[in-house]
Amino acid sequence: MRKSLAIKPSKERELPVPLTEEELAAYRDVLAEAAIAEQELLDTKAEISKDYNEQIKAERVVIADKASCIKSRSQQRWVECEEHHDFKTFVVSIVRMDSGEIISTRPMSEGERQTPIPFEDSTTG
């Protein structure tokens, strides 16, 4: 004996359904609002991103500066210096006032080699 085939109850399936004019109009409105909202979010994101990028750049400057100081074990600073003129060797030395270290030397210019001649006032003598 053959078993008869039973008809199973129908199941719903997702299938294309034509939209009405009212539905199309509503979808257009939603689409327009979503596009505007998306653009506003993108604009806000760009502004925030720009702000963060500027902050990141500032931090990178600090990182590079401090890393350089650590690597060289020194930092560029303004230090008071004096010029010392040696008229025996005609050399000008630049000397750090904080440590007395000579940081550079150079030959005296012609003008620097001219020493003032002591002048006596003839009215006092």
PDB file of N, CA and C in Angstrom:
ATOM      1  N   MET A   1       0.804  -1.163   0.000  1.00  0.00           N
ATOM      2  CA  MET A   1       0.000   0.000   0.000  1.00  0.00           C
ATOM      3  C   MET A   1       0.861   1.246   0.000  1.00  0.00           C
ATOM      4  N   ARG A   2       0.448   2.179  -0.768  1.00  0.00           N
ATOM      5  CA  ARG A   2       1.178   3.446  -0.894  1.00  0.00           C
ATOM      6  C   ARG A   2       0.668   4.461   0.072  1.00  0.00           C
ATOM      7  N   LYS A   3       1.622   5.176   0.619  1.00  0.00           N
ATOM      8  CA  LYS A   3       1.230   6.245   1.522  1.00  0.00           C
ATOM      9  C   LYS A   3       0.887   7.468   0.691  1.00  0.00           C
ATOM     10  N   SER A   4      -0.108   8.142   1.045  1.00  0.00           N
ATOM     11  CA  SER A   4      -0.471   9.343   0.309  1.00  0.00           C
ATOM     12  C   SER A   4       0.399  10.508   0.769  1.00  0.00           C
ATOM     13  N   LEU A   5       0.686  11.366  -0.150  1.00  0.00           N
ATOM     14  CA  LEU A   5       1.504  12.544   0.171  1.00  0.00           C
ATOM     15  C   LEU A   5       0.635  13.571   0.856  1.00  0.00           C
ATOM     16  N   ALA A   6       1.092  13.996   1.973  1.00  0.00           N
ATOM     17  CA  ALA A   6       0.341  15.009   2.708  1.00  0.00           C
ATOM     18  C   ALA A   6       0.798  16.389   2.271  1.00  0.00           C
ATOM     19  N   ILE A   7      -0.092  17.311   2.165  1.00  0.00           N
ATOM     20  CA  ILE A   7       0.243  18.695   1.801  1.00  0.00           C
ATOM     21  C   ILE A   7       0.633  19.409   3.076  1.00  0.00           C
ATOM     22  N   LYS A   8       1.825  19.946   3.032  1.00  0.00           N
ATOM     23  CA  LYS A   8       2.315  20.648   4.212  1.00  0.00           C
ATOM     24  C   LYS A   8       1.749  22.059   4.213  1.00  0.00           C
ATOM     25  N   PRO A   9       1.548  22.603   5.406  1.00  0.00           N
ATOM     26  CA  PRO A   9       1.048  23.981   5.469  1.00  0.00           C
ATOM     27  C   PRO A   9       2.058  24.933   4.835  1.00  0.00           C
ATOM     28  N   SER A  10       1.596  26.010   4.261  1.00  0.00           N
ATOM     29  CA  SER A  10       2.495  26.952   3.586  1.00  0.00           C
ATOM     30  C   SER A  10       3.344  27.704   4.606  1.00  0.00           C
ATOM     31  N   LYS A  11       4.533  28.063   4.195  1.00  0.00           N
ATOM     32  CA  LYS A  11       5.439  28.854   5.011  1.00  0.00           C
ATOM     33  C   LYS A  11       5.665  30.170   4.287  1.00  0.00           C
ATOM     34  N   GLU A  12       5.836  31.195   5.078  1.00  0.00           N
ATOM     35  CA  GLU A  12       6.090  32.499   4.456  1.00  0.00           C
ATOM     36  C   GLU A  12       7.519  32.569   3.955  1.00  0.00           C
ATOM     37  N   ARG A  13       7.655  33.327   2.880  1.00  0.00           N
ATOM     38  CA  ARG A  13       8.977  33.561   2.299  1.00  0.00           C
ATOM     39  C   ARG A  13       9.100  35.029   1.955  1.00  0.00           C
ATOM     40  N   GLU A  14      10.302  35.504   1.982  1.00  0.00           N
ATOM     41  CA  GLU A  14      10.537  36.910   1.618  1.00  0.00           C
ATOM     42  C   GLU A  14      10.680  36.972   0.101  1.00  0.00           C
ATOM     43  N   LEU A  15       9.770  37.707  -0.515  1.00  0.00           N
ATOM     44  CA  LEU A  15       9.734  37.812  -1.969  1.00  0.00           C
ATOM     45  C   LEU A  15       9.519  39.272  -2.354  1.00  0.00           C
ATOM     46  N   PRO A  16       9.916  39.666  -3.550  1.00  0.00           N
ATOM     47  CA  PRO A  16       9.692  41.054  -3.974  1.00  0.00           C
ATOM     48  C   PRO A  16       8.200  41.357  -4.119  1.00  0.00           C
ATOM     49  N   VAL A  17       7.838  42.534  -3.606  1.00  0.00           N
ATOM     50  CA  VAL A  17       6.448  42.987  -3.698  1.00  0.00           C
ATOM     51  C   VAL A  17       6.489  44.409  -4.242  1.00  0.00           C
ATOM     52  N   PRO A  18       5.750  44.704  -5.281  1.00  0.00           N
ATOM     53  CA  PRO A  18       5.749  46.068  -5.799  1.00  0.00           C
ATOM     54  C   PRO A  18       5.243  47.054  -4.742  1.00  0.00           C
ATOM     55  N   LEU A  19       5.896  48.236  -4.681  1.00  0.00           N
ATOM     56  CA  LEU A  19       5.515  49.265  -3.718  1.00  0.00           C
ATOM     57  C   LEU A  19       4.428  50.161  -4.292  1.00  0.00           C
ATOM     58  N   THR A  20       3.596  50.646  -3.401  1.00  0.00           N
ATOM     59  CA  THR A  20       2.563  51.599  -3.820  1.00  0.00           C
ATOM     60  C   THR A  20       3.208  52.977  -3.941  1.00  0.00           C
ATOM     61  N   GLU A  21       2.504  53.907  -4.558  1.00  0.00           N
ATOM     62  CA  GLU A  21       3.020  55.271  -4.687  1.00  0.00           C
ATOM     63  C   GLU A  21       3.247  55.902  -3.311  1.00  0.00           C
ATOM     64  N   GLU A  22       2.349  55.621  -2.370  1.00  0.00           N
ATOM     65  CA  GLU A  22       2.491  56.160  -1.018  1.00  0.00           C
ATOM     66  C   GLU A  22       3.745  55.596  -0.341  1.00  0.00           C
ATOM     67  N   GLU A  23       3.987  54.295  -0.513  1.00  0.00           N
ATOM     68  CA  GLU A  23       5.177  53.677   0.076  1.00  0.00           C
ATOM     69  C   GLU A  23       6.444  54.254  -0.551  1.00  0.00           C
ATOM     70  N   LEU A  24       6.418  54.423  -1.896  1.00  0.00           N
ATOM     71  CA  LEU A  24       7.574  55.004  -2.580  1.00  0.00           C
ATOM     72  C   LEU A  24       7.864  56.414  -2.056  1.00  0.00           C
ATOM     73  N   ALA A  25       6.820  57.228  -1.876  1.00  0.00           N
ATOM     74  CA  ALA A  25       6.996  58.584  -1.365  1.00  0.00           C
ATOM     75  C   ALA A  25       7.590  58.551   0.043  1.00  0.00           C
ATOM     76  N   ALA A  26       7.091  57.664   0.883  1.00  0.00           N
ATOM     77  CA  ALA A  26       7.601  57.542   2.252  1.00  0.00           C
ATOM     78  C   ALA A  26       9.065  57.101   2.245  1.00  0.00           C
ATOM     79  N   TYR A  27       9.420  56.145   1.385  1.00  0.00           N
ATOM     80  CA  TYR A  27      10.804  55.677   1.286  1.00  0.00           C
ATOM     81  C   TYR A  27      11.724  56.787   0.801  1.00  0.00           C
ATOM     82  N   ARG A  28      11.222  57.600  -0.147  1.00  0.00           N
ATOM     83  CA  ARG A  28      12.033  58.738  -0.628  1.00  0.00           C
ATOM     84  C   ARG A  28      12.319  59.709   0.518  1.00  0.00           C
ATOM     85  N   ASP A  29      11.308  59.977   1.332  1.00  0.00           N
ATOM     86  CA  ASP A  29      11.498  60.882   2.471  1.00  0.00           C
ATOM     87  C   ASP A  29      12.526  60.321   3.452  1.00  0.00           C
ATOM     88  N   VAL A  30      12.398  59.042   3.762  1.00  0.00           N
ATOM     89  CA  VAL A  30      13.333  58.393   4.687  1.00  0.00           C
ATOM     90  C   VAL A  30      14.750  58.419   4.102  1.00  0.00           C
ATOM     91  N   LEU A  31      14.851  58.138   2.805  1.00  0.00           N
ATOM     92  CA  LEU A  31      16.149  58.155   2.132  1.00  0.00           C
ATOM     93  C   LEU A  31      16.785  59.535   2.217  1.00  0.00           C
ATOM     94  N   ALA A  32      16.017  60.583   1.925  1.00  0.00           N
ATOM     95  CA  ALA A  32      16.538  61.952   1.971  1.00  0.00           C
ATOM     96  C   ALA A  32      16.994  62.308   3.386  1.00  0.00           C
ATOM     97  N   GLU A  33      16.195  61.984   4.387  1.00  0.00           N
ATOM     98  CA  GLU A  33      16.554  62.284   5.777  1.00  0.00           C
ATOM     99  C   GLU A  33      17.814  61.519   6.193  1.00  0.00           C
ATOM    100  N   ALA A  34      17.899  60.269   5.784  1.00  0.00           N
ATOM    101  CA  ALA A  34      19.072  59.458   6.130  1.00  0.00           C
ATOM    102  C   ALA A  34      20.331  60.002   5.452  1.00  0.00           C
ATOM    103  N   ALA A  35      20.206  60.451   4.207  1.00  0.00           N
ATOM    104  CA  ALA A  35      21.355  61.014   3.483  1.00  0.00           C
ATOM    105  C   ALA A  35      21.832  62.301   4.148  1.00  0.00           C
ATOM    106  N   ILE A  36      20.887  63.147   4.571  1.00  0.00           N
ATOM    107  CA  ILE A  36      21.248  64.389   5.263  1.00  0.00           C
ATOM    108  C   ILE A  36      21.915  64.069   6.601  1.00  0.00           C
ATOM    109  N   ALA A  37      21.346  63.142   7.355  1.00  0.00           N
ATOM    110  CA  ALA A  37      21.919  62.749   8.650  1.00  0.00           C
ATOM    111  C   ALA A  37      23.321  62.168   8.474  1.00  0.00           C
ATOM    112  N   GLU A  38      23.494  61.361   7.429  1.00  0.00           N
ATOM    113  CA  GLU A  38      24.814  60.787   7.160  1.00  0.00           C
ATOM    114  C   GLU A  38      25.826  61.885   6.881  1.00  0.00           C
ATOM    115  N   GLN A  39      25.463  62.866   6.053  1.00  0.00           N
ATOM    116  CA  GLN A  39      26.388  63.940   5.718  1.00  0.00           C
ATOM    117  C   GLN A  39      26.750  64.762   6.959  1.00  0.00           C
ATOM    118  N   GLU A  40      25.754  65.014   7.811  1.00  0.00           N
ATOM    119  CA  GLU A  40      26.025  65.742   9.057  1.00  0.00           C
ATOM    120  C   GLU A  40      27.004  64.966   9.934  1.00  0.00           C
ATOM    121  N   LEU A  41      26.813  63.654  10.016  1.00  0.00           N
ATOM    122  CA  LEU A  41      27.734  62.824  10.791  1.00  0.00           C
ATOM    123  C   LEU A  41      29.138  62.836  10.196  1.00  0.00           C
ATOM    124  N   LEU A  42      29.219  62.760   8.866  1.00  0.00           N
ATOM    125  CA  LEU A  42      30.527  62.801   8.204  1.00  0.00           C
ATOM    126  C   LEU A  42      31.225  64.147   8.443  1.00  0.00           C
ATOM    127  N   ASP A  43      30.451  65.242   8.394  1.00  0.00           N
ATOM    128  CA  ASP A  43      31.017  66.568   8.660  1.00  0.00           C
ATOM    129  C   ASP A  43      31.524  66.667  10.091  1.00  0.00           C
ATOM    130  N   THR A  44      30.742  66.171  11.034  1.00  0.00           N
ATOM    131  CA  THR A  44      31.140  66.187  12.444  1.00  0.00           C
ATOM    132  C   THR A  44      32.385  65.334  12.654  1.00  0.00           C
ATOM    133  N   LYS A  45      32.383  64.177  12.021  1.00  0.00           N
ATOM    134  CA  LYS A  45      33.543  63.288  12.127  1.00  0.00           C
ATOM    135  C   LYS A  45      34.795  63.975  11.588  1.00  0.00           C
ATOM    136  N   ALA A  46      34.672  64.686  10.476  1.00  0.00           N
ATOM    137  CA  ALA A  46      35.819  65.376   9.890  1.00  0.00           C
ATOM    138  C   ALA A  46      36.335  66.460  10.832  1.00  0.00           C
ATOM    139  N   GLU A  47      35.423  67.216  11.448  1.00  0.00           N
ATOM    140  CA  GLU A  47      35.837  68.252  12.390  1.00  0.00           C
ATOM    141  C   GLU A  47      36.550  67.653  13.586  1.00  0.00           C
ATOM    142  N   ILE A  48      35.954  66.605  14.150  1.00  0.00           N
ATOM    143  CA  ILE A  48      36.554  65.952  15.312  1.00  0.00           C
ATOM    144  C   ILE A  48      37.899  65.344  14.934  1.00  0.00           C
ATOM    145  N   SER A  49      37.941  64.720  13.778  1.00  0.00           N
ATOM    146  CA  SER A  49      39.177  64.108  13.306  1.00  0.00           C
ATOM    147  C   SER A  49      40.264  65.161  13.131  1.00  0.00           C
ATOM    148  N   LYS A  50      39.904  66.312  12.573  1.00  0.00           N
ATOM    149  CA  LYS A  50      40.867  67.399  12.390  1.00  0.00           C
ATOM    150  C   LYS A  50      41.402  67.851  13.739  1.00  0.00           C
ATOM    151  N   ASP A  51      40.507  68.020  14.718  1.00  0.00           N
ATOM    152  CA  ASP A  51      40.911  68.435  16.061  1.00  0.00           C
ATOM    153  C   ASP A  51      41.850  67.402  16.678  1.00  0.00           C
ATOM    154  N   TYR A  52      41.489  66.136  16.568  1.00  0.00           N
ATOM    155  CA  TYR A  52      42.343  65.093  17.123  1.00  0.00           C
ATOM    156  C   TYR A  52      43.677  65.017  16.391  1.00  0.00           C
ATOM    157  N   ASN A  53      43.672  65.193  15.078  1.00  0.00           N
ATOM    158  CA  ASN A  53      44.924  65.163  14.329  1.00  0.00           C
ATOM    159  C   ASN A  53      45.855  66.276  14.788  1.00  0.00           C
ATOM    160  N   GLU A  54      45.306  67.472  15.073  1.00  0.00           N
ATOM    161  CA  GLU A  54      46.128  68.569  15.578  1.00  0.00           C
ATOM    162  C   GLU A  54      46.687  68.224  16.951  1.00  0.00           C
ATOM    163  N   GLN A  55      45.875  67.618  17.802  1.00  0.00           N
ATOM    164  CA  GLN A  55      46.355  67.217  19.121  1.00  0.00           C
ATOM    165  C   GLN A  55      47.431  66.137  19.009  1.00  0.00           C
ATOM    166  N   ILE A  56      47.231  65.210  18.091  1.00  0.00           N
ATOM    167  CA  ILE A  56      48.221  64.141  17.885  1.00  0.00           C
ATOM    168  C   ILE A  56      49.542  64.738  17.396  1.00  0.00           C
ATOM    169  N   LYS A  57      49.471  65.695  16.470  1.00  0.00           N
ATOM    170  CA  LYS A  57      50.700  66.350  15.984  1.00  0.00           C
ATOM    171  C   LYS A  57      51.435  67.026  17.129  1.00  0.00           C
ATOM    172  N   ALA A  58      50.701  67.706  17.996  1.00  0.00           N
ATOM    173  CA  ALA A  58      51.327  68.390  19.138  1.00  0.00           C
ATOM    174  C   ALA A  58      52.027  67.387  20.047  1.00  0.00           C
ATOM    175  N   GLU A  59      51.388  66.252  20.281  1.00  0.00           N
ATOM    176  CA  GLU A  59      52.008  65.229  21.122  1.00  0.00           C
ATOM    177  C   GLU A  59      53.240  64.633  20.445  1.00  0.00           C
ATOM    178  N   ARG A  60      53.202  64.485  19.139  1.00  0.00           N
ATOM    179  CA  ARG A  60      54.367  63.953  18.415  1.00  0.00           C
ATOM    180  C   ARG A  60      55.558  64.889  18.509  1.00  0.00           C
ATOM    181  N   VAL A  61      55.294  66.206  18.530  1.00  0.00           N
ATOM    182  CA  VAL A  61      56.375  67.183  18.696  1.00  0.00           C
ATOM    183  C   VAL A  61      57.024  66.988  20.071  1.00  0.00           C
ATOM    184  N   VAL A  62      56.207  66.830  21.103  1.00  0.00           N
ATOM    185  CA  VAL A  62      56.731  66.609  22.454  1.00  0.00           C
ATOM    186  C   VAL A  62      57.537  65.307  22.495  1.00  0.00           C
ATOM    187  N   ILE A  63      56.997  64.261  21.901  1.00  0.00           N
ATOM    188  CA  ILE A  63      57.680  62.964  21.882  1.00  0.00           C
ATOM    189  C   ILE A  63      59.035  63.080  21.205  1.00  0.00           C
ATOM    190  N   ALA A  64      59.074  63.711  20.031  1.00  0.00           N
ATOM    191  CA  ALA A  64      60.325  63.845  19.291  1.00  0.00           C
ATOM    192  C   ALA A  64      61.339  64.674  20.069  1.00  0.00           C
ATOM    193  N   ASP A  65      60.878  65.772  20.679  1.00  0.00           N
ATOM    194  CA  ASP A  65      61.773  66.647  21.435  1.00  0.00           C
ATOM    195  C   ASP A  65      62.373  65.909  22.627  1.00  0.00           C
ATOM    196  N   LYS A  66      61.534  65.270  23.416  1.00  0.00           N
ATOM    197  CA  LYS A  66      62.028  64.587  24.617  1.00  0.00           C
ATOM    198  C   LYS A  66      62.886  63.380  24.253  1.00  0.00           C
ATOM    199  N   ALA A  67      62.528  62.665  23.203  1.00  0.00           N
ATOM    200  CA  ALA A  67      63.344  61.519  22.770  1.00  0.00           C
ATOM    201  C   ALA A  67      64.727  61.997  22.335  1.00  0.00           C
ATOM    202  N   SER A  68      64.777  63.109  21.637  1.00  0.00           N
ATOM    203  CA  SER A  68      66.053  63.677  21.208  1.00  0.00           C
ATOM    204  C   SER A  68      66.898  64.084  22.409  1.00  0.00           C
ATOM    205  N   CYS A  69      66.264  64.708  23.405  1.00  0.00           N
ATOM    206  CA  CYS A  69      66.985  65.109  24.620  1.00  0.00           C
ATOM    207  C   CYS A  69      67.545  63.888  25.349  1.00  0.00           C
ATOM    208  N   ILE A  70      66.733  62.853  25.441  1.00  0.00           N
ATOM    209  CA  ILE A  70      67.184  61.633  26.125  1.00  0.00           C
ATOM    210  C   ILE A  70      68.334  60.999  25.363  1.00  0.00           C
ATOM    211  N   LYS A  71      68.219  60.941  24.045  1.00  0.00           N
ATOM    212  CA  LYS A  71      69.255  60.313  23.223  1.00  0.00           C
ATOM    213  C   LYS A  71      70.570  61.072  23.316  1.00  0.00           C
ATOM    214  N   SER A  72      70.504  62.398  23.245  1.00  0.00           N
ATOM    215  CA  SER A  72      71.728  63.206  23.273  1.00  0.00           C
ATOM    216  C   SER A  72      72.175  63.561  24.687  1.00  0.00           C
ATOM    217  N   ARG A  73      71.291  63.287  25.666  1.00  0.00           N
ATOM    218  CA  ARG A  73      71.558  63.621  27.065  1.00  0.00           C
ATOM    219  C   ARG A  73      71.789  65.117  27.255  1.00  0.00           C
ATOM    220  N   SER A  74      71.152  65.923  26.391  1.00  0.00           N
ATOM    221  CA  SER A  74      71.270  67.375  26.497  1.00  0.00           C
ATOM    222  C   SER A  74      70.060  68.030  25.863  1.00  0.00           C
ATOM    223  N   GLN A  75      69.946  69.348  26.098  1.00  0.00           N
ATOM    224  CA  GLN A  75      68.847  70.110  25.523  1.00  0.00           C
ATOM    225  C   GLN A  75      69.379  71.482  25.144  1.00  0.00           C
ATOM    226  N   GLN A  76      68.909  71.995  24.008  1.00  0.00           N
ATOM    227  CA  GLN A  76      69.290  73.338  23.597  1.00  0.00           C
ATOM    228  C   GLN A  76      68.609  74.355  24.511  1.00  0.00           C
ATOM    229  N   ARG A  77      69.401  75.209  25.151  1.00  0.00           N
ATOM    230  CA  ARG A  77      68.877  76.265  26.014  1.00  0.00           C
ATOM    231  C   ARG A  77      69.718  77.514  25.810  1.00  0.00           C
ATOM    232  N   TRP A  78      69.146  78.653  26.163  1.00  0.00           N
ATOM    233  CA  TRP A  78      69.900  79.906  26.113  1.00  0.00           C
ATOM    234  C   TRP A  78      70.809  79.963  27.331  1.00  0.00           C
ATOM    235  N   VAL A  79      72.110  80.141  27.082  1.00  0.00           N
ATOM    236  CA  VAL A  79      73.105  80.196  28.145  1.00  0.00           C
ATOM    237  C   VAL A  79      73.905  81.484  27.964  1.00  0.00           C
ATOM    238  N   GLU A  80      74.124  82.189  29.068  1.00  0.00           N
ATOM    239  CA  GLU A  80      74.895  83.428  28.988  1.00  0.00           C
ATOM    240  C   GLU A  80      76.347  83.103  28.663  1.00  0.00           C
ATOM    241  N   CYS A  81      76.909  83.862  27.715  1.00  0.00           N
ATOM    242  CA  CYS A  81      78.288  83.657  27.272  1.00  0.00           C
ATOM    243  C   CYS A  81      79.006  85.003  27.221  1.00  0.00           C
ATOM    244  N   GLU A  82      80.337  84.946  27.224  1.00  0.00           N
ATOM    245  CA  GLU A  82      81.156  86.147  27.078  1.00  0.00           C
ATOM    246  C   GLU A  82      82.206  85.898  26.014  1.00  0.00           C
ATOM    247  N   GLU A  83      82.625  86.990  25.396  1.00  0.00           N
ATOM    248  CA  GLU A  83      83.763  86.926  24.477  1.00  0.00           C
ATOM    249  C   GLU A  83      85.016  87.312  25.249  1.00  0.00           C
ATOM    250  N   HIS A  84      86.043  86.477  25.146  1.00  0.00           N
ATOM    251  CA  HIS A  84      87.343  86.787  25.748  1.00  0.00           C
ATOM    252  C   HIS A  84      88.324  87.045  24.617  1.00  0.00           C
ATOM    253  N   HIS A  85      88.970  88.209  24.662  1.00  0.00           N
ATOM    254  CA  HIS A  85      89.927  88.590  23.619  1.00  0.00           C
ATOM    255  C   HIS A  85      91.350  88.361  24.125  1.00  0.00           C
ATOM    256  N   ASP A  86      92.115  87.552  23.414  1.00  0.00           N
ATOM    257  CA  ASP A  86      93.519  87.300  23.755  1.00  0.00           C
ATOM    258  C   ASP A  86      94.368  88.078  22.747  1.00  0.00           C
ATOM    259  N   PHE A  87      94.956  89.190  23.225  1.00  0.00           N
ATOM    260  CA  PHE A  87      95.720  90.056  22.327  1.00  0.00           C
ATOM    261  C   PHE A  87      97.116  89.510  22.044  1.00  0.00           C
ATOM    262  N   LYS A  88      97.537  88.461  22.742  1.00  0.00           N
ATOM    263  CA  LYS A  88      98.825  87.822  22.448  1.00  0.00           C
ATOM    264  C   LYS A  88      98.689  86.917  21.228  1.00  0.00           C
ATOM    265  N   THR A  89      97.547  86.186  21.161  1.00  0.00           N
ATOM    266  CA  THR A  89      97.349  85.240  20.052  1.00  0.00           C
ATOM    267  C   THR A  89      96.357  85.768  19.024  1.00  0.00           C
ATOM    268  N   PHE A  90      95.760  86.924  19.307  1.00  0.00           N
ATOM    269  CA  PHE A  90      94.725  87.519  18.438  1.00  0.00           C
ATOM    270  C   PHE A  90      93.585  86.540  18.150  1.00  0.00           C
ATOM    271  N   VAL A  91      93.101  85.926  19.244  1.00  0.00           N
ATOM    272  CA  VAL A  91      92.005  84.969  19.154  1.00  0.00           C
ATOM    273  C   VAL A  91      90.877  85.436  20.079  1.00  0.00           C
ATOM    274  N   VAL A  92      89.635  85.296  19.583  1.00  0.00           N
ATOM    275  CA  VAL A  92      88.461  85.574  20.399  1.00  0.00           C
ATOM    276  C   VAL A  92      87.852  84.228  20.784  1.00  0.00           C
ATOM    277  N   SER A  93      87.650  84.025  22.089  1.00  0.00           N
ATOM    278  CA  SER A  93      87.032  82.794  22.586  1.00  0.00           C
ATOM    279  C   SER A  93      85.652  83.121  23.130  1.00  0.00           C
ATOM    280  N   ILE A  94      84.682  82.284  22.798  1.00  0.00           N
ATOM    281  CA  ILE A  94      83.333  82.396  23.359  1.00  0.00           C
ATOM    282  C   ILE A  94      83.281  81.411  24.525  1.00  0.00           C
ATOM    283  N   VAL A  95      82.981  81.937  25.736  1.00  0.00           N
ATOM    284  CA  VAL A  95      83.039  81.139  26.953  1.00  0.00           C
ATOM    285  C   VAL A  95      81.662  81.102  27.607  1.00  0.00           C
ATOM    286  N   ARG A  96      81.236  79.900  27.989  1.00  0.00           N
ATOM    287  CA  ARG A  96      79.981  79.737  28.745  1.00  0.00           C
ATOM    288  C   ARG A  96      80.190  80.275  30.152  1.00  0.00           C
ATOM    289  N   MET A  97      79.251  81.086  30.617  1.00  0.00           N
ATOM    290  CA  MET A  97      79.373  81.646  31.957  1.00  0.00           C
ATOM    291  C   MET A  97      78.983  80.642  33.037  1.00  0.00           C
ATOM    292  N   ASP A  98      78.158  79.651  32.706  1.00  0.00           N
ATOM    293  CA  ASP A  98      77.723  78.684  33.726  1.00  0.00           C
ATOM    294  C   ASP A  98      78.790  77.647  34.038  1.00  0.00           C
ATOM    295  N   SER A  99      79.667  77.333  33.065  1.00  0.00           N
ATOM    296  CA  SER A  99      80.658  76.288  33.292  1.00  0.00           C
ATOM    297  C   SER A  99      82.087  76.730  33.006  1.00  0.00           C
ATOM    298  N   GLY A 100      82.276  77.895  32.360  1.00  0.00           N
ATOM    299  CA  GLY A 100      83.621  78.351  31.996  1.00  0.00           C
ATOM    300  C   GLY A 100      84.177  77.650  30.768  1.00  0.00           C
ATOM    301  N   GLU A 101      83.384  76.792  30.145  1.00  0.00           N
ATOM    302  CA  GLU A 101      83.828  76.029  28.977  1.00  0.00           C
ATOM    303  C   GLU A 101      83.933  76.940  27.756  1.00  0.00           C
ATOM    304  N   ILE A 102      85.023  76.789  27.010  1.00  0.00           N
ATOM    305  CA  ILE A 102      85.181  77.508  25.741  1.00  0.00           C
ATOM    306  C   ILE A 102      84.385  76.746  24.698  1.00  0.00           C
ATOM    307  N   ILE A 103      83.394  77.433  24.087  1.00  0.00           N
ATOM    308  CA  ILE A 103      82.543  76.731  23.116  1.00  0.00           C
ATOM    309  C   ILE A 103      82.965  76.976  21.683  1.00  0.00           C
ATOM    310  N   SER A 104      83.705  78.085  21.449  1.00  0.00           N
ATOM    311  CA  SER A 104      84.230  78.312  20.104  1.00  0.00           C
ATOM    312  C   SER A 104      85.340  79.352  20.168  1.00  0.00           C
ATOM    313  N   THR A 105      86.176  79.328  19.151  1.00  0.00           N
ATOM    314  CA  THR A 105      87.237  80.333  19.003  1.00  0.00           C
ATOM    315  C   THR A 105      87.260  80.779  17.558  1.00  0.00           C
ATOM    316  N   ARG A 106      87.776  81.995  17.369  1.00  0.00           N
ATOM    317  CA  ARG A 106      87.922  82.516  16.007  1.00  0.00           C
ATOM    318  C   ARG A 106      89.034  83.549  16.033  1.00  0.00           C
ATOM    319  N   PRO A 107      89.613  83.808  14.876  1.00  0.00           N
ATOM    320  CA  PRO A 107      90.632  84.860  14.824  1.00  0.00           C
ATOM    321  C   PRO A 107      89.978  86.230  15.018  1.00  0.00           C
ATOM    322  N   MET A 108      90.713  87.132  15.627  1.00  0.00           N
ATOM    323  CA  MET A 108      90.206  88.501  15.784  1.00  0.00           C
ATOM    324  C   MET A 108      90.130  89.180  14.428  1.00  0.00           C
ATOM    325  N   SER A 109      89.140  90.023  14.283  1.00  0.00           N
ATOM    326  CA  SER A 109      89.043  90.828  13.071  1.00  0.00           C
ATOM    327  C   SER A 109      90.043  91.984  13.177  1.00  0.00           C
ATOM    328  N   GLU A 110      90.268  92.658  12.071  1.00  0.00           N
ATOM    329  CA  GLU A 110      91.196  93.807  12.079  1.00  0.00           C
ATOM    330  C   GLU A 110      90.737  94.862  13.068  1.00  0.00           C
ATOM    331  N   GLY A 111      89.441  95.106  13.101  1.00  0.00           N
ATOM    332  CA  GLY A 111      88.904  96.107  14.021  1.00  0.00           C
ATOM    333  C   GLY A 111      89.095  95.717  15.480  1.00  0.00           C
ATOM    334  N   GLU A 112      88.992  94.423  15.776  1.00  0.00           N
ATOM    335  CA  GLU A 112      89.164  93.964  17.157  1.00  0.00           C
ATOM    336  C   GLU A 112      90.627  94.036  17.594  1.00  0.00           C
ATOM    337  N   ARG A 113      91.541  93.976  16.645  1.00  0.00           N
ATOM    338  CA  ARG A 113      92.968  94.049  16.987  1.00  0.00           C
ATOM    339  C   ARG A 113      93.395  95.457  17.402  1.00  0.00           C
ATOM    340  N   GLN A 114      92.600  96.445  17.043  1.00  0.00           N
ATOM    341  CA  GLN A 114      92.917  97.831  17.402  1.00  0.00           C
ATOM    342  C   GLN A 114      92.560  98.056  18.855  1.00  0.00           C
ATOM    343  N   THR A 115      93.551  98.312  19.663  1.00  0.00           N
ATOM    344  CA  THR A 115      93.292  98.591  21.068  1.00  0.00           C
ATOM    345  C   THR A 115      93.288 100.094  21.278  1.00  0.00           C
ATOM    346  N   PRO A 116      92.434 100.564  22.177  1.00  0.00           N
ATOM    347  CA  PRO A 116      92.414 102.010  22.416  1.00  0.00           C
ATOM    348  C   PRO A 116      93.725 102.470  23.066  1.00  0.00           C
ATOM    349  N   ILE A 117      94.194 103.622  22.626  1.00  0.00           N
ATOM    350  CA  ILE A 117      95.404 104.215  23.203  1.00  0.00           C
ATOM    351  C   ILE A 117      94.972 105.049  24.395  1.00  0.00           C
ATOM    352  N   PRO A 118      95.638 104.816  25.544  1.00  0.00           N
ATOM    353  CA  PRO A 118      95.286 105.633  26.702  1.00  0.00           C
ATOM    354  C   PRO A 118      95.523 107.115  26.386  1.00  0.00           C
ATOM    355  N   PHE A 119      94.602 107.947  26.755  1.00  0.00           N
ATOM    356  CA  PHE A 119      94.662 109.357  26.446  1.00  0.00           C
ATOM    357  C   PHE A 119      94.723 110.143  27.748  1.00  0.00           C
ATOM    358  N   GLU A 120      95.715 110.994  27.857  1.00  0.00           N
ATOM    359  CA  GLU A 120      95.823 111.832  29.054  1.00  0.00           C
ATOM    360  C   GLU A 120      95.271 113.186  28.752  1.00  0.00           C
ATOM    361  N   ASP A 121      94.522 113.705  29.695  1.00  0.00           N
ATOM    362  CA  ASP A 121      93.939 115.040  29.539  1.00  0.00           C
ATOM    363  C   ASP A 121      95.041 116.043  29.838  1.00  0.00           C
ATOM    364  N   SER A 122      95.381 116.901  28.882  1.00  0.00           N
ATOM    365  CA  SER A 122      96.482 117.862  29.041  1.00  0.00           C
ATOM    366  C   SER A 122      96.150 118.948  30.068  1.00  0.00           C
ATOM    367  N   THR A 123      94.908 119.104  30.392  1.00  0.00           N
ATOM    368  CA  THR A 123      94.535 120.155  31.356  1.00  0.00           C
ATOM    369  C   THR A 123      94.757 119.707  32.782  1.00  0.00           C
ATOM    370  N   THR A 124      94.900 118.404  33.020  1.00  0.00           N
ATOM    371  CA  THR A 124      95.062 117.923  34.390  1.00  0.00           C
ATOM    372  C   THR A 124      96.524 117.696  34.717  1.00  0.00           C
ATOM    373  N   GLY A 125      97.405 117.732  33.797  1.00  0.00           N
ATOM    374  CA  GLY A 125      98.774 117.344  33.969  1.00  0.00           C
ATOM    375  C   GLY A 125      99.695 118.380  34.220  1.00  0.00           C
TER     376      GLY A 125
END
